[in-house]
Amino acid sequence: MKILHIGLLVLVIGLVAVSGCTSSNNSNSNSNGNSSSSNASASNDVNIVVSYSGSWAVDVSGPFGYRSLSGTGDQTNNIGSVTGSVTAAARKTEGGNGLLTVSITKGGKTLASQSTSAPWGGATAVATGI
């Protein structure tokens, strides 16, 4: 009987572990031909939006802790339901001269946005009172 209980416990733990390993990432193209990536978003979720044709990285911090994001081209990254303040510090990871813009949005509204066109430049957006 003990072996049966241990076997069931292992099965349940395995199912819980596997069910937590799923993610959703949708990708599409916008009208100018750049690739755009977005994670499914509820209307009250906070998103970090990066607009830049080259390679970039963003350090995001808030009440949830710290997250590091990176990519190429325009992307929207859902960081979930957040209250308080969020900081998104973006930087170009190559020496491009194009305009890099980082924005923090919620419910379709832009809460904060900053841009740079400097080679290897960075921009930091801070949204408070979310």
C-alpha atoms as a PDB file:
ATOM      1  CA  MET A   1       0.000   0.000   0.000  1.00  0.00           C
ATOM      2  CA  LYS A   2       2.891   2.380   0.774  1.00  0.00           C
ATOM      3  CA  ILE A   3       4.367   1.846  -2.695  1.00  0.00           C
ATOM      4  CA  LEU A   4       1.019   2.729  -4.320  1.00  0.00           C
ATOM      5  CA  HIS A   5       0.790   5.979  -2.319  1.00  0.00           C
ATOM      6  CA  ILE A   6       4.377   6.942  -3.193  1.00  0.00           C
ATOM      7  CA  GLY A   7       3.710   6.170  -6.864  1.00  0.00           C
ATOM      8  CA  LEU A   8       0.591   8.372  -6.884  1.00  0.00           C
ATOM      9  CA  LEU A   9       2.481  11.173  -5.133  1.00  0.00           C
ATOM     10  CA  VAL A  10       5.271  11.036  -7.741  1.00  0.00           C
ATOM     11  CA  LEU A  11       2.672  11.077 -10.545  1.00  0.00           C
ATOM     12  CA  VAL A  12       0.882  14.116  -9.083  1.00  0.00           C
ATOM     13  CA  ILE A  13       4.152  16.016  -8.576  1.00  0.00           C
ATOM     14  CA  GLY A  14       5.174  15.201 -12.147  1.00  0.00           C
ATOM     15  CA  LEU A  15       1.860  16.472 -13.534  1.00  0.00           C
ATOM     16  CA  VAL A  16       2.101  19.708 -11.546  1.00  0.00           C
ATOM     17  CA  ALA A  17       5.676  20.289 -12.751  1.00  0.00           C
ATOM     18  CA  VAL A  18       4.781  19.658 -16.400  1.00  0.00           C
ATOM     19  CA  SER A  19       1.670  21.866 -16.278  1.00  0.00           C
ATOM     20  CA  GLY A  20       3.787  24.799 -15.055  1.00  0.00           C
ATOM     21  CA  CYS A  21       6.097  24.604 -18.081  1.00  0.00           C
ATOM     22  CA  THR A  22       3.840  26.147 -20.682  1.00  0.00           C
ATOM     23  CA  SER A  23       4.045  29.599 -22.231  1.00  0.00           C
ATOM     24  CA  SER A  24       2.326  31.599 -24.916  1.00  0.00           C
ATOM     25  CA  ASN A  25       4.262  33.719 -27.385  1.00  0.00           C
ATOM     26  CA  ASN A  26       2.555  35.026 -30.510  1.00  0.00           C
ATOM     27  CA  SER A  27       4.532  36.478 -33.390  1.00  0.00           C
ATOM     28  CA  ASN A  28       3.383  38.437 -36.410  1.00  0.00           C
ATOM     29  CA  SER A  29       4.590  40.996 -38.947  1.00  0.00           C
ATOM     30  CA  ASN A  30       3.582  44.618 -39.011  1.00  0.00           C
ATOM     31  CA  SER A  31       3.040  46.773 -42.114  1.00  0.00           C
ATOM     32  CA  ASN A  32       6.657  47.900 -42.445  1.00  0.00           C
ATOM     33  CA  GLY A  33       7.955  44.330 -42.614  1.00  0.00           C
ATOM     34  CA  ASN A  34       9.570  44.245 -39.170  1.00  0.00           C
ATOM     35  CA  SER A  35       8.854  41.295 -36.960  1.00  0.00           C
ATOM     36  CA  SER A  36       6.721  41.996 -33.918  1.00  0.00           C
ATOM     37  CA  SER A  37       6.423  39.725 -30.915  1.00  0.00           C
ATOM     38  CA  SER A  38       3.861  39.923 -28.175  1.00  0.00           C
ATOM     39  CA  ASN A  39       2.809  37.828 -25.250  1.00  0.00           C
ATOM     40  CA  ALA A  40      -0.918  37.417 -24.597  1.00  0.00           C
ATOM     41  CA  SER A  41      -2.084  40.283 -22.401  1.00  0.00           C
ATOM     42  CA  ALA A  42      -5.037  40.980 -20.156  1.00  0.00           C
ATOM     43  CA  SER A  43      -6.306  44.577 -20.225  1.00  0.00           C
ATOM     44  CA  ASN A  44      -4.932  45.301 -16.736  1.00  0.00           C
ATOM     45  CA  ASP A  45      -1.497  43.825 -17.423  1.00  0.00           C
ATOM     46  CA  VAL A  46       1.546  46.049 -17.772  1.00  0.00           C
ATOM     47  CA  ASN A  47       3.553  45.774 -20.995  1.00  0.00           C
ATOM     48  CA  ILE A  48       7.079  46.823 -21.892  1.00  0.00           C
ATOM     49  CA  VAL A  49       7.077  47.970 -25.522  1.00  0.00           C
ATOM     50  CA  VAL A  50      10.353  48.303 -27.418  1.00  0.00           C
ATOM     51  CA  SER A  51      10.450  49.950 -30.820  1.00  0.00           C
ATOM     52  CA  TYR A  52      13.806  49.581 -32.565  1.00  0.00           C
ATOM     53  CA  SER A  53      14.943  47.896 -35.764  1.00  0.00           C
ATOM     54  CA  GLY A  54      18.178  46.523 -34.294  1.00  0.00           C
ATOM     55  CA  SER A  55      19.200  44.461 -31.270  1.00  0.00           C
ATOM     56  CA  TRP A  56      18.340  45.666 -27.769  1.00  0.00           C
ATOM     57  CA  ALA A  57      18.153  44.669 -24.107  1.00  0.00           C
ATOM     58  CA  VAL A  58      15.861  45.972 -21.352  1.00  0.00           C
ATOM     59  CA  ASP A  59      16.259  45.692 -17.586  1.00  0.00           C
ATOM     60  CA  VAL A  60      12.829  45.879 -15.931  1.00  0.00           C
ATOM     61  CA  SER A  61      12.366  46.354 -12.195  1.00  0.00           C
ATOM     62  CA  GLY A  62       9.365  46.807  -9.941  1.00  0.00           C
ATOM     63  CA  PRO A  63       7.555  45.227  -6.999  1.00  0.00           C
ATOM     64  CA  PHE A  64       7.946  41.838  -8.730  1.00  0.00           C
ATOM     65  CA  GLY A  65      11.752  42.097  -8.615  1.00  0.00           C
ATOM     66  CA  TYR A  66      13.989  42.245 -11.672  1.00  0.00           C
ATOM     67  CA  ARG A  67      13.607  40.900 -15.223  1.00  0.00           C
ATOM     68  CA  SER A  68      15.994  41.059 -18.138  1.00  0.00           C
ATOM     69  CA  LEU A  69      14.559  41.093 -21.669  1.00  0.00           C
ATOM     70  CA  SER A  70      16.326  41.143 -25.028  1.00  0.00           C
ATOM     71  CA  GLY A  71      15.446  40.918 -28.684  1.00  0.00           C
ATOM     72  CA  THR A  72      15.630  42.365 -32.160  1.00  0.00           C
ATOM     73  CA  GLY A  73      12.997  44.583 -33.752  1.00  0.00           C
ATOM     74  CA  ASP A  74       9.729  45.851 -32.321  1.00  0.00           C
ATOM     75  CA  GLN A  75       8.366  43.782 -29.426  1.00  0.00           C
ATOM     76  CA  THR A  76       5.744  43.950 -26.699  1.00  0.00           C
ATOM     77  CA  ASN A  77       6.486  42.009 -23.500  1.00  0.00           C
ATOM     78  CA  ASN A  78       3.752  41.342 -20.939  1.00  0.00           C
ATOM     79  CA  ILE A  79       5.046  41.545 -17.364  1.00  0.00           C
ATOM     80  CA  GLY A  80       1.667  40.779 -15.813  1.00  0.00           C
ATOM     81  CA  SER A  81      -0.532  42.608 -13.341  1.00  0.00           C
ATOM     82  CA  VAL A  82       1.638  45.116 -11.484  1.00  0.00           C
ATOM     83  CA  THR A  83       0.856  47.826  -8.938  1.00  0.00           C
ATOM     84  CA  GLY A  84       3.305  50.452  -7.746  1.00  0.00           C
ATOM     85  CA  SER A  85       6.223  51.576  -9.909  1.00  0.00           C
ATOM     86  CA  VAL A  86       7.963  50.009 -12.906  1.00  0.00           C
ATOM     87  CA  THR A  87      11.290  51.046 -14.434  1.00  0.00           C
ATOM     88  CA  ALA A  88      12.362  49.887 -17.900  1.00  0.00           C
ATOM     89  CA  ALA A  89      15.979  50.715 -18.829  1.00  0.00           C
ATOM     90  CA  ALA A  90      16.572  49.861 -22.509  1.00  0.00           C
ATOM     91  CA  ARG A  91      19.826  49.971 -24.446  1.00  0.00           C
ATOM     92  CA  LYS A  92      21.049  49.206 -27.933  1.00  0.00           C
ATOM     93  CA  THR A  93      23.296  46.138 -28.025  1.00  0.00           C
ATOM     94  CA  GLU A  94      24.863  47.170 -31.342  1.00  0.00           C
ATOM     95  CA  GLY A  95      26.014  50.565 -32.569  1.00  0.00           C
ATOM     96  CA  GLY A  96      22.936  51.492 -34.612  1.00  0.00           C
ATOM     97  CA  ASN A  97      21.876  55.095 -35.211  1.00  0.00           C
ATOM     98  CA  GLY A  98      18.137  54.362 -35.415  1.00  0.00           C
ATOM     99  CA  LEU A  99      15.578  55.535 -32.880  1.00  0.00           C
ATOM    100  CA  LEU A 100      15.087  53.203 -29.898  1.00  0.00           C
ATOM    101  CA  THR A 101      11.935  53.847 -27.857  1.00  0.00           C
ATOM    102  CA  VAL A 102      10.960  52.028 -24.663  1.00  0.00           C
ATOM    103  CA  SER A 103       7.432  52.469 -23.302  1.00  0.00           C
ATOM    104  CA  ILE A 104       5.461  51.167 -20.342  1.00  0.00           C
ATOM    105  CA  THR A 105       1.780  50.621 -21.165  1.00  0.00           C
ATOM    106  CA  LYS A 106      -1.320  49.393 -19.368  1.00  0.00           C
ATOM    107  CA  GLY A 107      -4.784  48.902 -20.837  1.00  0.00           C
ATOM    108  CA  GLY A 108      -3.726  50.449 -24.138  1.00  0.00           C
ATOM    109  CA  LYS A 109      -2.489  53.655 -22.458  1.00  0.00           C
ATOM    110  CA  THR A 110       1.157  54.741 -22.443  1.00  0.00           C
ATOM    111  CA  LEU A 111       2.240  55.413 -18.854  1.00  0.00           C
ATOM    112  CA  ALA A 112       5.856  56.379 -19.620  1.00  0.00           C
ATOM    113  CA  SER A 113       8.113  56.509 -22.674  1.00  0.00           C
ATOM    114  CA  GLN A 114      11.701  57.517 -23.501  1.00  0.00           C
ATOM    115  CA  SER A 115      13.795  57.430 -26.700  1.00  0.00           C
ATOM    116  CA  THR A 116      17.368  57.685 -27.956  1.00  0.00           C
ATOM    117  CA  SER A 117      19.008  57.765 -31.362  1.00  0.00           C
ATOM    118  CA  ALA A 118      22.611  57.729 -30.084  1.00  0.00           C
ATOM    119  CA  PRO A 119      24.826  54.819 -31.177  1.00  0.00           C
ATOM    120  CA  TRP A 120      24.980  52.324 -28.280  1.00  0.00           C
ATOM    121  CA  GLY A 121      22.438  54.624 -26.560  1.00  0.00           C
ATOM    122  CA  GLY A 122      20.054  53.907 -23.741  1.00  0.00           C
ATOM    123  CA  ALA A 123      16.658  55.195 -22.609  1.00  0.00           C
ATOM    124  CA  THR A 124      14.848  54.718 -19.306  1.00  0.00           C
ATOM    125  CA  ALA A 125      11.077  54.933 -18.781  1.00  0.00           C
ATOM    126  CA  VAL A 126       9.655  55.129 -15.243  1.00  0.00           C
ATOM    127  CA  ALA A 127       5.956  54.685 -14.481  1.00  0.00           C
ATOM    128  CA  THR A 128       4.785  55.412 -10.917  1.00  0.00           C
ATOM    129  CA  GLY A 129       1.434  54.923  -9.261  1.00  0.00           C
ATOM    130  CA  ILE A 130       0.368  52.063 -11.525  1.00  0.00           C
END
